[in-house]
Amino acid sequence: MALIDIHNLSSDGEFRVRFIAALVSYVKVVFDEDPMTPNHAERLVQAVKVLNAPMVYGDKLALGAAAAVGGQMPDDATMMALVAGYWTILALAPGTP
């Protein structure tokens, strides 16, 4: 994994559109989850934030997402798993937009 590969992927239009689509798709997962899921209330607040500003989240998280996949274009399942992994972290992080 070269740093330039991470930069290039994070700037790639296809990657960004797919990443934003994965973020918005995951909103439905959170809306449908059992309310007893750990941190559900915080996850739900995060879902509303993402739904209201998907481009903001896509732009802010694209570089980290590209690094997480080693600068290589991921398949859809990997992209969704990446978003799932971010979700609670974002929901619990202080100062998350």
Protein backbone atom coordinates (compact mmCIF):
# COMPACT_ATOMS: atom_id res chain seq x y z
CA MET A 1 0.00 0.00 0.00
CA ALA A 2 1.58 3.22 -1.17
CA LEU A 3 0.37 6.53 0.24
CA ILE A 4 -0.18 7.84 -3.27
CA ASP A 5 -2.59 4.95 -3.89
CA ILE A 6 -4.61 5.98 -0.85
CA HIS A 7 -4.66 9.60 -2.01
CA ASN A 8 -5.65 8.63 -5.55
CA LEU A 9 -8.46 6.36 -4.40
CA SER A 10 -9.82 8.95 -1.97
CA SER A 11 -9.99 11.42 -4.88
CA ASP A 12 -11.54 8.95 -7.31
CA GLY A 13 -15.07 9.95 -8.33
CA GLU A 14 -16.37 6.38 -8.54
CA PHE A 15 -15.02 5.54 -5.09
CA ARG A 16 -16.56 8.67 -3.55
CA VAL A 17 -19.98 8.06 -5.10
CA ARG A 18 -19.97 4.43 -3.97
CA PHE A 19 -18.79 5.38 -0.49
CA ILE A 20 -21.55 7.98 -0.12
CA ALA A 21 -24.08 5.44 -1.41
CA ALA A 22 -22.86 2.97 1.22
CA LEU A 23 -23.21 5.60 3.96
CA VAL A 24 -26.78 6.41 2.91
CA SER A 25 -27.63 2.71 2.54
CA TYR A 26 -26.40 2.06 6.07
CA VAL A 27 -28.89 4.61 7.41
CA LYS A 28 -31.63 2.07 6.66
CA VAL A 29 -29.73 -0.62 8.57
CA VAL A 30 -29.60 1.63 11.63
CA PHE A 31 -33.27 2.63 11.32
CA ASP A 32 -34.23 -1.06 11.18
CA GLU A 33 -32.00 -2.33 13.98
CA ASP A 34 -33.35 -3.50 17.32
CA PRO A 35 -33.67 -0.53 19.70
CA MET A 36 -31.82 -2.63 22.28
CA THR A 37 -28.71 -2.66 20.07
CA PRO A 38 -25.82 -1.17 22.07
CA ASN A 39 -25.56 2.58 21.43
CA HIS A 40 -28.71 2.52 19.28
CA ALA A 41 -29.81 6.04 20.26
CA GLU A 42 -26.43 7.49 19.31
CA ARG A 43 -26.32 5.43 16.12
CA LEU A 44 -29.78 6.73 15.19
CA VAL A 45 -28.69 10.35 15.72
CA GLN A 46 -25.69 9.65 13.47
CA ALA A 47 -28.01 8.17 10.83
CA VAL A 48 -30.07 11.35 10.73
CA LYS A 49 -26.90 13.45 10.45
CA VAL A 50 -25.67 11.36 7.52
CA LEU A 51 -29.06 11.42 5.83
CA ASN A 52 -29.16 15.22 6.11
CA ALA A 53 -25.61 15.76 4.79
CA PRO A 54 -24.29 12.69 2.93
CA MET A 55 -21.78 14.67 0.88
CA VAL A 56 -20.28 16.22 4.02
CA TYR A 57 -19.69 12.78 5.51
CA GLY A 58 -18.44 11.36 2.23
CA ASP A 59 -15.90 14.15 1.89
CA LYS A 60 -14.74 13.97 5.51
CA LEU A 61 -14.34 10.19 5.59
CA ALA A 62 -13.11 9.36 2.08
CA LEU A 63 -9.40 9.51 2.89
CA GLY A 64 -9.75 7.28 5.96
CA ALA A 65 -11.92 4.86 4.02
CA ALA A 66 -9.37 4.69 1.22
CA ALA A 67 -6.62 4.00 3.76
CA ALA A 68 -8.71 1.26 5.37
CA VAL A 69 -8.88 -0.62 2.06
CA GLY A 70 -5.20 -0.10 1.25
CA GLY A 71 -5.80 2.27 -1.64
CA GLN A 72 -7.49 -0.45 -3.69
CA MET A 73 -11.07 -0.16 -5.00
CA PRO A 74 -13.20 -2.38 -2.72
CA ASP A 75 -16.16 -4.47 -3.75
CA ASP A 76 -19.62 -3.54 -2.44
CA ALA A 77 -19.55 -5.96 0.50
CA THR A 78 -16.21 -4.58 1.67
CA MET A 79 -17.49 -1.02 1.29
CA MET A 80 -20.58 -1.79 3.41
CA ALA A 81 -18.44 -3.54 6.04
CA LEU A 82 -16.19 -0.49 6.17
CA VAL A 83 -19.18 1.80 6.77
CA ALA A 84 -20.55 -0.56 9.41
CA GLY A 85 -17.21 -0.44 11.19
CA TYR A 86 -17.17 3.36 11.20
CA TRP A 87 -20.75 3.83 12.35
CA THR A 88 -20.59 3.43 16.12
CA ILE A 89 -17.22 5.16 16.26
CA LEU A 90 -18.75 8.17 14.54
CA ALA A 91 -21.85 8.03 16.70
CA LEU A 92 -19.83 8.10 19.91
CA ALA A 93 -17.07 10.51 18.88
CA PRO A 94 -17.36 13.94 20.48
CA GLY A 95 -17.64 16.76 17.99
CA THR A 96 -18.73 14.62 15.06
CA PRO A 97 -20.49 16.92 12.58
